Each structure stands twice: as C-alpha cells, then as structure tokens.
Amino acid sequence: MADEDDPFESPRLLLNGAVRHIESFEVRVAAFRQEPEVWSVTASSSPGEVIARIAKPLPPELKQVAFDVVHNLRSALDQAVY
C-alpha cells in the first residue's frame, strides 16, 4: 500500500522495477554476445572498414525483458502524472 505522505512512492517502486529489468537485460545481452558464431563480419566497399552483423536471432526472452522495462517506465510516468 502506498504511503499517503509520499505521492511518488508507487512510481518510484516502478522505476526500481525498471532498473532491475534493465540489469537483467544487460546480463542476457552479455551472455548472448559470448555465444559462438553470433557475429558475421564482412569486408566493406570502403578500404579498411568491415561490416559486423548479428548472425543469430536474438533470444525471445530479450523482447519480454525489454517490454517489461518499457511497461514499468510508462506506468511510472502515468502514476506520477496522475
């Protein structure tokens, strides 16, 4: 239950949740980057440049974690404005 003396307690809790999701996202991205054959590197038409592409599909759970981050941030904004 939100403290009636602090109208921003609930948005603050949502922001803390977003921070936890961002940390989870960063850990998952770091693990993905360490997987073998993630990157495809080819020569560019410009001398001395290369093109690096992600050669594997991103894990589906990254989409969910990114959604959770955005949802928490949007909800925090909604509650702060209300």
C-alpha atoms as a PDB file:
ATOM      1  CA  MET A   1       0.000   0.000   0.000  1.00  0.00           C
ATOM      2  CA  ALA A   2       1.373   3.392  -0.976  1.00  0.00           C
ATOM      3  CA  ASP A   3       2.318   5.844   1.741  1.00  0.00           C
ATOM      4  CA  GLU A   4      -0.205   8.703   1.618  1.00  0.00           C
ATOM      5  CA  ASP A   5       2.536  11.171   2.603  1.00  0.00           C
ATOM      6  CA  ASP A   6       4.583  10.288  -0.476  1.00  0.00           C
ATOM      7  CA  PRO A   7       2.516  10.514  -3.669  1.00  0.00           C
ATOM      8  CA  PHE A   8       5.522   9.332  -5.703  1.00  0.00           C
ATOM      9  CA  GLU A   9       6.142   6.116  -3.780  1.00  0.00           C
ATOM     10  CA  SER A  10       4.376   3.936  -6.340  1.00  0.00           C
ATOM     11  CA  PRO A  11       6.113   5.487  -9.385  1.00  0.00           C
ATOM     12  CA  ARG A  12       9.425   5.169  -7.554  1.00  0.00           C
ATOM     13  CA  LEU A  13       8.785   1.457  -6.990  1.00  0.00           C
ATOM     14  CA  LEU A  14       8.033   1.045 -10.690  1.00  0.00           C
ATOM     15  CA  LEU A  15      11.270   2.826 -11.583  1.00  0.00           C
ATOM     16  CA  ASN A  16      13.154   0.444  -9.286  1.00  0.00           C
ATOM     17  CA  GLY A  17      11.482  -2.446 -11.098  1.00  0.00           C
ATOM     18  CA  ALA A  18      12.598  -0.992 -14.430  1.00  0.00           C
ATOM     19  CA  VAL A  19      16.169  -0.785 -13.136  1.00  0.00           C
ATOM     20  CA  ARG A  20      16.060  -4.473 -12.176  1.00  0.00           C
ATOM     21  CA  HIS A  21      14.760  -5.370 -15.638  1.00  0.00           C
ATOM     22  CA  ILE A  22      17.498  -3.280 -17.284  1.00  0.00           C
ATOM     23  CA  GLU A  23      20.126  -5.117 -15.242  1.00  0.00           C
ATOM     24  CA  SER A  24      18.601  -8.447 -16.306  1.00  0.00           C
ATOM     25  CA  PHE A  25      18.585  -7.280 -19.929  1.00  0.00           C
ATOM     26  CA  GLU A  26      22.263  -6.326 -19.767  1.00  0.00           C
ATOM     27  CA  VAL A  27      23.199  -9.733 -18.303  1.00  0.00           C
ATOM     28  CA  ARG A  28      21.255 -11.558 -21.015  1.00  0.00           C
ATOM     29  CA  VAL A  29      22.766  -9.458 -23.809  1.00  0.00           C
ATOM     30  CA  ALA A  30      26.274 -10.068 -22.450  1.00  0.00           C
ATOM     31  CA  ALA A  31      25.607 -13.821 -22.379  1.00  0.00           C
ATOM     32  CA  PHE A  32      24.237 -13.730 -25.931  1.00  0.00           C
ATOM     33  CA  ARG A  33      27.299 -11.852 -27.173  1.00  0.00           C
ATOM     34  CA  GLN A  34      29.539 -14.610 -25.785  1.00  0.00           C
ATOM     35  CA  GLU A  35      27.794 -17.361 -27.738  1.00  0.00           C
ATOM     36  CA  PRO A  36      29.745 -18.798 -30.687  1.00  0.00           C
ATOM     37  CA  GLU A  37      29.071 -17.503 -34.192  1.00  0.00           C
ATOM     38  CA  VAL A  38      26.972 -14.536 -33.054  1.00  0.00           C
ATOM     39  CA  TRP A  39      28.735 -12.085 -35.357  1.00  0.00           C
ATOM     40  CA  SER A  40      29.124 -12.143 -39.118  1.00  0.00           C
ATOM     41  CA  VAL A  41      31.983  -9.919 -40.268  1.00  0.00           C
ATOM     42  CA  THR A  42      32.483  -8.983 -43.923  1.00  0.00           C
ATOM     43  CA  ALA A  43      34.696  -6.525 -45.751  1.00  0.00           C
ATOM     44  CA  SER A  44      33.184  -3.172 -46.629  1.00  0.00           C
ATOM     45  CA  SER A  45      33.422  -1.495 -50.014  1.00  0.00           C
ATOM     46  CA  SER A  46      35.398   1.251 -48.234  1.00  0.00           C
ATOM     47  CA  PRO A  47      39.049   0.383 -47.627  1.00  0.00           C
ATOM     48  CA  GLY A  48      39.893  -0.507 -44.031  1.00  0.00           C
ATOM     49  CA  GLU A  49      36.263  -0.903 -42.944  1.00  0.00           C
ATOM     50  CA  VAL A  50      34.355  -4.046 -42.040  1.00  0.00           C
ATOM     51  CA  ILE A  51      30.659  -4.692 -41.560  1.00  0.00           C
ATOM     52  CA  ALA A  52      29.616  -6.637 -38.457  1.00  0.00           C
ATOM     53  CA  ARG A  53      26.128  -8.130 -38.349  1.00  0.00           C
ATOM     54  CA  ILE A  54      24.343 -10.210 -35.775  1.00  0.00           C
ATOM     55  CA  ALA A  55      24.229 -13.632 -37.415  1.00  0.00           C
ATOM     56  CA  LYS A  56      21.930 -15.332 -34.906  1.00  0.00           C
ATOM     57  CA  PRO A  57      18.396 -14.349 -33.952  1.00  0.00           C
ATOM     58  CA  LEU A  58      18.051 -12.547 -30.643  1.00  0.00           C
ATOM     59  CA  PRO A  59      16.685 -14.735 -27.846  1.00  0.00           C
ATOM     60  CA  PRO A  60      12.908 -14.259 -27.431  1.00  0.00           C
ATOM     61  CA  GLU A  61      13.275 -13.523 -23.716  1.00  0.00           C
ATOM     62  CA  LEU A  62      15.113 -10.296 -24.602  1.00  0.00           C
ATOM     63  CA  LYS A  63      11.891  -8.999 -26.147  1.00  0.00           C
ATOM     64  CA  GLN A  64       9.986  -9.797 -22.963  1.00  0.00           C
ATOM     65  CA  VAL A  65      12.545  -8.147 -20.701  1.00  0.00           C
ATOM     66  CA  ALA A  66      12.618  -5.052 -22.937  1.00  0.00           C
ATOM     67  CA  PHE A  67       8.811  -4.943 -22.799  1.00  0.00           C
ATOM     68  CA  ASP A  68       8.931  -5.154 -19.004  1.00  0.00           C
ATOM     69  CA  VAL A  69      11.351  -2.207 -18.863  1.00  0.00           C
ATOM     70  CA  VAL A  70       9.158  -0.036 -21.087  1.00  0.00           C
ATOM     71  CA  HIS A  71       5.989  -1.093 -19.269  1.00  0.00           C
ATOM     72  CA  ASN A  72       7.440  -0.162 -15.876  1.00  0.00           C
ATOM     73  CA  LEU A  73       8.682   3.203 -17.163  1.00  0.00           C
ATOM     74  CA  ARG A  74       5.363   4.036 -18.822  1.00  0.00           C
ATOM     75  CA  SER A  75       3.395   3.030 -15.747  1.00  0.00           C
ATOM     76  CA  ALA A  76       5.660   5.114 -13.525  1.00  0.00           C
ATOM     77  CA  LEU A  77       5.074   8.123 -15.752  1.00  0.00           C
ATOM     78  CA  ASP A  78       1.303   7.541 -15.773  1.00  0.00           C
ATOM     79  CA  GLN A  79       1.189   7.318 -11.987  1.00  0.00           C
ATOM     80  CA  ALA A  80       3.464  10.314 -11.444  1.00  0.00           C
ATOM     81  CA  VAL A  81       1.293  12.486 -13.692  1.00  0.00           C
ATOM     82  CA  TYR A  82      -1.941  11.258 -12.126  1.00  0.00           C
END
